Amino acid sequence: MQHRYFVGPLLLGLSVFVGCSGNDKTSGRVSITGSVSLKGTPLAEGVIQFEPLEKQNTSASVVLVGGNYSISAANGLQPGMYLVRVSTNEGQSKPLDPNTPLTPSGNNLPGSHKTEVKKPTIPAEWGEKSKQQVEVKAAGTNKFDFEIK
């Protein structure tokens, strides 16, 4: 009968020990905040990405809201250097308006599925060819504001 009373506390103690051990791949995360503006105006919609440049096991892709972004410590980044990329749907292809008058080239004939291609608003040096970097620090405020010209 004494064995029953011993097993319960032993199992409880092991579960507490395992629960407190932490996950080495995600420990040490810190919160990140900041803003992104394009030519002096907050970027209305878009995504900012942080890609690790060292041996961090964390990365982030965050939706901009009114030009601002925030990542909580629970989902944050480990300290180290990160490559920053900014993208937006602004400037992407969009369907032509069927109510637009027909054009001589026939690009807007009824039933046409052609699209009007707009020039991207985010320069390549902030997007696919980005070399923008930030250092996330273990202590202090990690606030990164970006002005894209």
N, C-alpha and C. Protein backbone atom coordinates (compact mmCIF):
# COMPACT_ATOMS: atom_id res chain seq x y z
N MET A 1 0.80 -1.21 0.00
CA MET A 1 0.00 0.00 0.00
C MET A 1 0.84 1.27 0.00
N GLN A 2 2.03 1.20 0.54
CA GLN A 2 2.86 2.38 0.60
C GLN A 2 3.33 2.81 -0.79
N HIS A 3 3.40 1.89 -1.74
CA HIS A 3 3.87 2.22 -3.08
C HIS A 3 2.94 3.17 -3.82
N ARG A 4 1.63 3.08 -3.56
CA ARG A 4 0.67 3.97 -4.23
C ARG A 4 0.93 5.42 -3.87
N TYR A 5 1.23 5.69 -2.63
CA TYR A 5 1.44 7.06 -2.19
C TYR A 5 2.77 7.63 -2.68
N PHE A 6 3.69 6.76 -3.01
CA PHE A 6 5.00 7.19 -3.48
C PHE A 6 4.98 7.52 -4.97
N VAL A 7 4.24 6.78 -5.79
CA VAL A 7 4.21 6.95 -7.24
C VAL A 7 3.58 8.29 -7.64
N GLY A 8 2.49 8.68 -7.02
CA GLY A 8 1.80 9.93 -7.36
C GLY A 8 2.71 11.15 -7.24
N PRO A 9 3.33 11.39 -6.07
CA PRO A 9 4.23 12.55 -5.94
C PRO A 9 5.43 12.46 -6.87
N LEU A 10 5.93 11.26 -7.13
CA LEU A 10 7.06 11.10 -8.04
C LEU A 10 6.69 11.56 -9.44
N LEU A 11 5.53 11.13 -9.95
CA LEU A 11 5.09 11.53 -11.28
C LEU A 11 4.82 13.03 -11.36
N LEU A 12 4.24 13.59 -10.32
CA LEU A 12 3.99 15.03 -10.29
C LEU A 12 5.31 15.80 -10.33
N GLY A 13 6.29 15.36 -9.58
CA GLY A 13 7.60 16.00 -9.57
C GLY A 13 8.28 15.93 -10.92
N LEU A 14 8.19 14.81 -11.61
CA LEU A 14 8.78 14.68 -12.94
C LEU A 14 8.11 15.59 -13.95
N SER A 15 6.78 15.71 -13.88
CA SER A 15 6.08 16.57 -14.85
C SER A 15 6.44 18.04 -14.64
N VAL A 16 6.63 18.46 -13.39
CA VAL A 16 7.04 19.84 -13.13
C VAL A 16 8.44 20.07 -13.65
N PHE A 17 9.35 19.12 -13.45
CA PHE A 17 10.72 19.24 -13.93
C PHE A 17 10.76 19.33 -15.45
N VAL A 18 10.02 18.50 -16.15
CA VAL A 18 10.00 18.51 -17.61
C VAL A 18 9.37 19.81 -18.11
N GLY A 19 8.31 20.26 -17.48
CA GLY A 19 7.64 21.48 -17.90
C GLY A 19 8.50 22.72 -17.74
N CYS A 20 9.43 22.72 -16.82
CA CYS A 20 10.27 23.88 -16.59
C CYS A 20 11.58 23.84 -17.38
N SER A 21 11.81 22.77 -18.09
CA SER A 21 13.08 22.64 -18.78
C SER A 21 13.24 23.62 -19.93
N GLY A 22 12.15 24.07 -20.56
CA GLY A 22 12.20 25.05 -21.64
C GLY A 22 12.60 24.41 -22.95
N ASN A 23 12.43 25.16 -24.03
CA ASN A 23 12.77 24.68 -25.36
C ASN A 23 13.94 25.53 -25.85
N ASP A 24 15.11 24.91 -26.01
CA ASP A 24 16.30 25.65 -26.41
C ASP A 24 16.13 26.38 -27.73
N LYS A 25 15.31 25.87 -28.63
CA LYS A 25 15.15 26.48 -29.95
C LYS A 25 14.37 27.79 -29.89
N THR A 26 13.55 27.99 -28.88
CA THR A 26 12.73 29.21 -28.83
C THR A 26 12.97 30.02 -27.56
N SER A 27 13.90 29.64 -26.72
CA SER A 27 14.14 30.41 -25.51
C SER A 27 14.86 31.71 -25.84
N GLY A 28 14.72 32.68 -24.95
CA GLY A 28 15.39 33.96 -25.14
C GLY A 28 14.74 34.89 -26.13
N ARG A 29 13.49 34.66 -26.47
CA ARG A 29 12.79 35.55 -27.41
C ARG A 29 12.52 36.90 -26.78
N VAL A 30 12.56 37.94 -27.59
CA VAL A 30 12.26 39.29 -27.12
C VAL A 30 11.22 39.93 -28.04
N SER A 31 10.51 40.92 -27.51
CA SER A 31 9.48 41.60 -28.31
C SER A 31 10.13 42.60 -29.26
N ILE A 32 9.44 42.85 -30.36
CA ILE A 32 9.91 43.77 -31.41
C ILE A 32 8.74 44.68 -31.77
N THR A 33 9.00 45.96 -31.94
CA THR A 33 7.97 46.89 -32.40
C THR A 33 8.61 47.87 -33.38
N GLY A 34 7.77 48.59 -34.08
CA GLY A 34 8.27 49.62 -34.98
C GLY A 34 7.25 50.07 -35.99
N SER A 35 7.75 50.78 -36.99
CA SER A 35 6.87 51.31 -38.03
C SER A 35 7.60 51.29 -39.37
N VAL A 36 6.80 51.34 -40.44
CA VAL A 36 7.34 51.40 -41.80
C VAL A 36 6.59 52.52 -42.53
N SER A 37 7.35 53.43 -43.10
CA SER A 37 6.72 54.48 -43.91
C SER A 37 7.37 54.51 -45.28
N LEU A 38 6.58 54.91 -46.26
CA LEU A 38 7.03 55.00 -47.64
C LEU A 38 6.88 56.45 -48.08
N LYS A 39 8.00 57.08 -48.38
CA LYS A 39 8.03 58.48 -48.81
C LYS A 39 7.31 59.38 -47.80
N GLY A 40 7.55 59.12 -46.51
CA GLY A 40 7.00 59.96 -45.45
C GLY A 40 5.60 59.61 -44.99
N THR A 41 4.96 58.62 -45.62
CA THR A 41 3.60 58.23 -45.26
C THR A 41 3.61 56.80 -44.72
N PRO A 42 2.92 56.55 -43.58
CA PRO A 42 2.87 55.18 -43.06
C PRO A 42 2.35 54.22 -44.13
N LEU A 43 3.01 53.08 -44.27
CA LEU A 43 2.61 52.07 -45.26
C LEU A 43 1.28 51.46 -44.81
N ALA A 44 0.22 51.77 -45.55
CA ALA A 44 -1.13 51.38 -45.15
C ALA A 44 -1.31 49.88 -45.00
N GLU A 45 -0.74 49.12 -45.92
CA GLU A 45 -0.84 47.66 -45.84
C GLU A 45 0.45 47.05 -46.35
N GLY A 46 0.81 45.96 -45.75
CA GLY A 46 2.04 45.29 -46.16
C GLY A 46 2.48 44.29 -45.13
N VAL A 47 3.66 43.73 -45.34
CA VAL A 47 4.23 42.73 -44.46
C VAL A 47 5.70 43.05 -44.27
N ILE A 48 6.18 42.91 -43.04
CA ILE A 48 7.60 43.04 -42.76
C ILE A 48 8.11 41.68 -42.30
N GLN A 49 9.26 41.29 -42.82
CA GLN A 49 9.85 39.99 -42.50
C GLN A 49 11.22 40.18 -41.88
N PHE A 50 11.51 39.35 -40.88
CA PHE A 50 12.82 39.31 -40.24
C PHE A 50 13.37 37.91 -40.44
N GLU A 51 14.48 37.80 -41.20
CA GLU A 51 15.10 36.50 -41.49
C GLU A 51 16.44 36.44 -40.78
N PRO A 52 16.71 35.36 -40.02
CA PRO A 52 17.96 35.28 -39.24
C PRO A 52 19.20 35.24 -40.14
N LEU A 53 20.25 35.95 -39.72
CA LEU A 53 21.51 35.96 -40.44
C LEU A 53 22.59 35.19 -39.69
N GLU A 54 22.28 34.81 -38.46
CA GLU A 54 23.22 34.07 -37.65
C GLU A 54 22.58 32.71 -37.33
N LYS A 55 22.80 32.19 -36.17
CA LYS A 55 22.29 30.85 -35.85
C LYS A 55 21.00 30.89 -35.02
N GLN A 56 20.24 31.98 -35.11
CA GLN A 56 18.99 32.06 -34.38
C GLN A 56 18.00 31.04 -34.97
N ASN A 57 17.12 30.57 -34.13
CA ASN A 57 16.09 29.62 -34.57
C ASN A 57 14.74 30.32 -34.72
N THR A 58 14.76 31.63 -34.85
CA THR A 58 13.50 32.37 -34.98
C THR A 58 13.54 33.28 -36.20
N SER A 59 12.36 33.47 -36.77
CA SER A 59 12.14 34.42 -37.85
C SER A 59 10.72 34.93 -37.66
N ALA A 60 10.37 35.99 -38.37
CA ALA A 60 9.01 36.53 -38.22
C ALA A 60 8.56 37.17 -39.52
N SER A 61 7.27 37.10 -39.73
CA SER A 61 6.59 37.75 -40.83
C SER A 61 5.34 38.38 -40.24
N VAL A 62 5.27 39.72 -40.23
CA VAL A 62 4.22 40.42 -39.50
C VAL A 62 3.47 41.37 -40.43
N VAL A 63 2.15 41.38 -40.31
CA VAL A 63 1.30 42.28 -41.09
C VAL A 63 1.38 43.68 -40.49
N LEU A 64 1.56 44.67 -41.36
CA LEU A 64 1.57 46.06 -40.92
C LEU A 64 0.14 46.56 -40.76
N VAL A 65 -0.11 47.27 -39.69
CA VAL A 65 -1.42 47.87 -39.45
C VAL A 65 -1.20 49.37 -39.29
N GLY A 66 -1.63 50.12 -40.29
CA GLY A 66 -1.44 51.56 -40.28
C GLY A 66 0.02 51.96 -40.23
N GLY A 67 0.86 51.12 -40.82
CA GLY A 67 2.29 51.38 -40.85
C GLY A 67 3.06 50.85 -39.65
N ASN A 68 2.35 50.30 -38.66
CA ASN A 68 2.99 49.81 -37.44
C ASN A 68 2.98 48.29 -37.38
N TYR A 69 3.95 47.74 -36.63
CA TYR A 69 3.99 46.31 -36.39
C TYR A 69 4.44 46.05 -34.96
N SER A 70 4.08 44.88 -34.45
CA SER A 70 4.44 44.50 -33.09
C SER A 70 4.49 42.99 -33.01
N ILE A 71 5.54 42.48 -32.35
CA ILE A 71 5.68 41.05 -32.11
C ILE A 71 5.88 40.88 -30.61
N SER A 72 5.02 40.10 -29.98
CA SER A 72 5.14 39.88 -28.54
C SER A 72 6.36 39.01 -28.25
N ALA A 73 6.83 39.04 -27.01
CA ALA A 73 7.99 38.24 -26.61
C ALA A 73 7.71 36.75 -26.80
N ALA A 74 6.46 36.33 -26.58
CA ALA A 74 6.11 34.91 -26.75
C ALA A 74 6.35 34.43 -28.18
N ASN A 75 6.16 35.32 -29.15
CA ASN A 75 6.37 34.99 -30.56
C ASN A 75 7.58 35.72 -31.13
N GLY A 76 8.36 36.36 -30.27
CA GLY A 76 9.43 37.24 -30.69
C GLY A 76 10.65 36.57 -31.29
N LEU A 77 11.69 37.36 -31.39
CA LEU A 77 12.92 36.91 -32.02
C LEU A 77 14.03 36.72 -30.99
N GLN A 78 14.90 35.79 -31.26
CA GLN A 78 16.09 35.63 -30.43
C GLN A 78 17.08 36.71 -30.82
N PRO A 79 17.93 37.15 -29.89
CA PRO A 79 18.92 38.18 -30.20
C PRO A 79 19.84 37.76 -31.35
N GLY A 80 20.26 38.75 -32.13
CA GLY A 80 21.16 38.52 -33.25
C GLY A 80 20.82 39.42 -34.42
N MET A 81 21.53 39.23 -35.52
CA MET A 81 21.33 40.01 -36.73
C MET A 81 20.25 39.38 -37.62
N TYR A 82 19.41 40.24 -38.21
CA TYR A 82 18.32 39.80 -39.07
C TYR A 82 18.30 40.62 -40.35
N LEU A 83 17.96 39.97 -41.45
CA LEU A 83 17.70 40.63 -42.71
C LEU A 83 16.25 41.08 -42.70
N VAL A 84 15.99 42.30 -43.15
CA VAL A 84 14.63 42.86 -43.13
C VAL A 84 14.15 43.00 -44.56
N ARG A 85 12.93 42.51 -44.81
CA ARG A 85 12.27 42.68 -46.11
C ARG A 85 10.88 43.26 -45.88
N VAL A 86 10.48 44.14 -46.79
CA VAL A 86 9.14 44.74 -46.72
C VAL A 86 8.45 44.47 -48.05
N SER A 87 7.20 44.06 -47.98
CA SER A 87 6.42 43.84 -49.20
C SER A 87 5.01 44.38 -49.00
N THR A 88 4.34 44.61 -50.10
CA THR A 88 2.98 45.13 -50.06
C THR A 88 2.22 44.64 -51.28
N ASN A 89 0.90 44.62 -51.18
CA ASN A 89 0.06 44.27 -52.33
C ASN A 89 -0.15 45.47 -53.23
N GLU A 90 0.16 46.66 -52.70
CA GLU A 90 0.03 47.86 -53.52
C GLU A 90 0.98 47.75 -54.69
N GLY A 91 0.54 48.08 -55.86
CA GLY A 91 1.39 48.01 -57.04
C GLY A 91 1.36 46.66 -57.73
N GLN A 92 0.60 45.70 -57.21
CA GLN A 92 0.50 44.40 -57.85
C GLN A 92 -0.50 44.48 -59.00
N SER A 93 -0.53 43.45 -59.81
CA SER A 93 -1.46 43.42 -60.94
C SER A 93 -2.89 43.46 -60.43
N LYS A 94 -3.74 44.12 -61.18
CA LYS A 94 -5.15 44.15 -60.81
C LYS A 94 -5.99 43.97 -62.07
N PRO A 95 -7.16 43.33 -61.93
CA PRO A 95 -8.02 43.14 -63.10
C PRO A 95 -8.49 44.49 -63.65
N LEU A 96 -8.63 44.56 -64.96
CA LEU A 96 -9.16 45.78 -65.58
C LEU A 96 -10.64 45.92 -65.25
N ASP A 97 -11.08 47.14 -65.16
CA ASP A 97 -12.48 47.44 -64.87
C ASP A 97 -13.32 47.17 -66.11
N PRO A 98 -14.34 46.28 -66.01
CA PRO A 98 -15.17 45.98 -67.19
C PRO A 98 -16.00 47.17 -67.64
N ASN A 99 -16.13 48.18 -66.81
CA ASN A 99 -16.92 49.37 -67.18
C ASN A 99 -16.09 50.41 -67.91
N THR A 100 -14.78 50.16 -68.04
CA THR A 100 -13.90 51.09 -68.75
C THR A 100 -14.18 50.97 -70.25
N PRO A 101 -14.22 52.11 -70.97
CA PRO A 101 -14.47 52.05 -72.41
C PRO A 101 -13.42 51.19 -73.13
N LEU A 102 -13.83 50.58 -74.24
CA LEU A 102 -12.93 49.74 -75.01
C LEU A 102 -11.74 50.54 -75.52
N THR A 103 -10.59 49.90 -75.56
CA THR A 103 -9.38 50.57 -76.04
C THR A 103 -9.08 50.09 -77.45
N PRO A 104 -8.36 50.89 -78.25
CA PRO A 104 -8.01 50.48 -79.62
C PRO A 104 -7.18 49.19 -79.65
N SER A 105 -6.40 48.93 -78.61
CA SER A 105 -5.57 47.72 -78.61
C SER A 105 -6.37 46.47 -78.28
N GLY A 106 -7.59 46.65 -77.81
CA GLY A 106 -8.43 45.49 -77.47
C GLY A 106 -8.13 44.90 -76.11
N ASN A 107 -7.36 45.59 -75.28
CA ASN A 107 -7.01 45.07 -73.96
C ASN A 107 -8.19 44.97 -73.02
N ASN A 108 -9.27 45.64 -73.36
CA ASN A 108 -10.40 45.63 -72.44
C ASN A 108 -11.68 45.17 -73.14
N LEU A 109 -11.55 44.22 -74.06
CA LEU A 109 -12.72 43.67 -74.71
C LEU A 109 -13.54 42.86 -73.71
N PRO A 110 -14.86 42.78 -73.92
CA PRO A 110 -15.68 41.98 -73.00
C PRO A 110 -15.14 40.55 -72.91
N GLY A 111 -15.03 40.05 -71.69
CA GLY A 111 -14.52 38.70 -71.47
C GLY A 111 -13.01 38.63 -71.39
N SER A 112 -12.34 39.74 -71.60
CA SER A 112 -10.88 39.74 -71.53
C SER A 112 -10.44 39.54 -70.09
N HIS A 113 -9.40 38.75 -69.89
CA HIS A 113 -8.88 38.50 -68.55
C HIS A 113 -7.51 39.13 -68.37
N LYS A 114 -7.17 40.08 -69.23
CA LYS A 114 -5.88 40.74 -69.11
C LYS A 114 -5.88 41.63 -67.87
N THR A 115 -4.70 41.92 -67.41
CA THR A 115 -4.56 42.75 -66.22
C THR A 115 -3.68 43.95 -66.51
N GLU A 116 -3.88 44.95 -65.72
CA GLU A 116 -3.07 46.16 -65.80
C GLU A 116 -1.95 45.97 -64.78
N VAL A 117 -0.71 46.04 -65.23
CA VAL A 117 0.41 45.84 -64.32
C VAL A 117 0.93 47.20 -63.89
N LYS A 118 0.96 47.40 -62.58
CA LYS A 118 1.45 48.63 -62.02
C LYS A 118 2.88 48.42 -61.52
N LYS A 119 3.64 49.48 -61.51
CA LYS A 119 5.01 49.42 -61.01
C LYS A 119 4.98 49.17 -59.49
N PRO A 120 5.82 48.25 -59.00
CA PRO A 120 5.84 48.01 -57.55
C PRO A 120 6.18 49.28 -56.77
N THR A 121 5.54 49.46 -55.62
CA THR A 121 5.77 50.65 -54.82
C THR A 121 6.95 50.49 -53.87
N ILE A 122 7.31 49.27 -53.51
CA ILE A 122 8.45 49.03 -52.62
C ILE A 122 9.69 48.79 -53.47
N PRO A 123 10.74 49.60 -53.30
CA PRO A 123 11.96 49.39 -54.08
C PRO A 123 12.55 48.00 -53.81
N ALA A 124 13.22 47.44 -54.82
CA ALA A 124 13.80 46.10 -54.71
C ALA A 124 14.79 46.00 -53.57
N GLU A 125 15.47 47.10 -53.22
CA GLU A 125 16.44 47.04 -52.13
C GLU A 125 15.80 46.90 -50.75
N TRP A 126 14.47 46.92 -50.71
CA TRP A 126 13.73 46.63 -49.49
C TRP A 126 12.95 45.33 -49.62
N GLY A 127 12.88 44.78 -50.83
CA GLY A 127 12.12 43.56 -51.08
C GLY A 127 13.02 42.39 -51.37
N GLU A 128 12.91 41.85 -52.59
CA GLU A 128 13.64 40.62 -52.94
C GLU A 128 15.16 40.80 -52.94
N LYS A 129 15.66 42.02 -53.11
CA LYS A 129 17.11 42.26 -53.12
C LYS A 129 17.58 42.98 -51.85
N SER A 130 16.81 42.84 -50.79
CA SER A 130 17.10 43.57 -49.56
C SER A 130 18.45 43.21 -48.95
N LYS A 131 19.12 44.24 -48.47
CA LYS A 131 20.34 44.08 -47.68
C LYS A 131 20.19 44.82 -46.36
N GLN A 132 18.93 45.19 -46.04
CA GLN A 132 18.63 45.92 -44.81
C GLN A 132 18.79 44.97 -43.62
N GLN A 133 19.51 45.41 -42.60
CA GLN A 133 19.75 44.56 -41.44
C GLN A 133 19.48 45.31 -40.15
N VAL A 134 19.08 44.56 -39.12
CA VAL A 134 18.92 45.10 -37.78
C VAL A 134 19.53 44.11 -36.79
N GLU A 135 19.91 44.63 -35.63
CA GLU A 135 20.41 43.77 -34.57
C GLU A 135 19.39 43.76 -33.44
N VAL A 136 18.83 42.59 -33.18
CA VAL A 136 17.91 42.41 -32.07
C VAL A 136 18.75 42.15 -30.83
N LYS A 137 18.51 42.90 -29.77
CA LYS A 137 19.31 42.79 -28.55
C LYS A 137 18.51 42.09 -27.45
N ALA A 138 19.24 41.39 -26.58
CA ALA A 138 18.61 40.63 -25.49
C ALA A 138 18.00 41.55 -24.45
N ALA A 139 18.57 42.74 -24.24
CA ALA A 139 18.07 43.67 -23.24
C ALA A 139 17.74 45.00 -23.89
N GLY A 140 16.84 45.73 -23.26
CA GLY A 140 16.47 47.04 -23.79
C GLY A 140 15.32 46.96 -24.78
N THR A 141 15.05 48.09 -25.41
CA THR A 141 13.93 48.19 -26.36
C THR A 141 14.40 47.82 -27.76
N ASN A 142 13.66 46.96 -28.41
CA ASN A 142 13.94 46.59 -29.80
C ASN A 142 12.87 47.23 -30.67
N LYS A 143 13.04 48.54 -30.92
CA LYS A 143 12.10 49.30 -31.74
C LYS A 143 12.83 49.70 -33.02
N PHE A 144 12.28 49.25 -34.14
CA PHE A 144 12.90 49.52 -35.43
C PHE A 144 11.91 50.24 -36.34
N ASP A 145 12.21 51.48 -36.66
CA ASP A 145 11.38 52.28 -37.57
C ASP A 145 12.12 52.37 -38.90
N PHE A 146 11.41 52.11 -39.98
CA PHE A 146 12.02 52.11 -41.31
C PHE A 146 11.36 53.15 -42.19
N GLU A 147 12.17 53.98 -42.85
CA GLU A 147 11.70 54.98 -43.81
C GLU A 147 12.19 54.57 -45.17
N ILE A 148 11.25 54.17 -46.04
CA ILE A 148 11.57 53.77 -47.40
C ILE A 148 11.36 54.98 -48.29
N LYS A 149 12.38 55.32 -49.07
CA LYS A 149 12.30 56.52 -49.92
C LYS A 149 12.07 56.16 -51.36
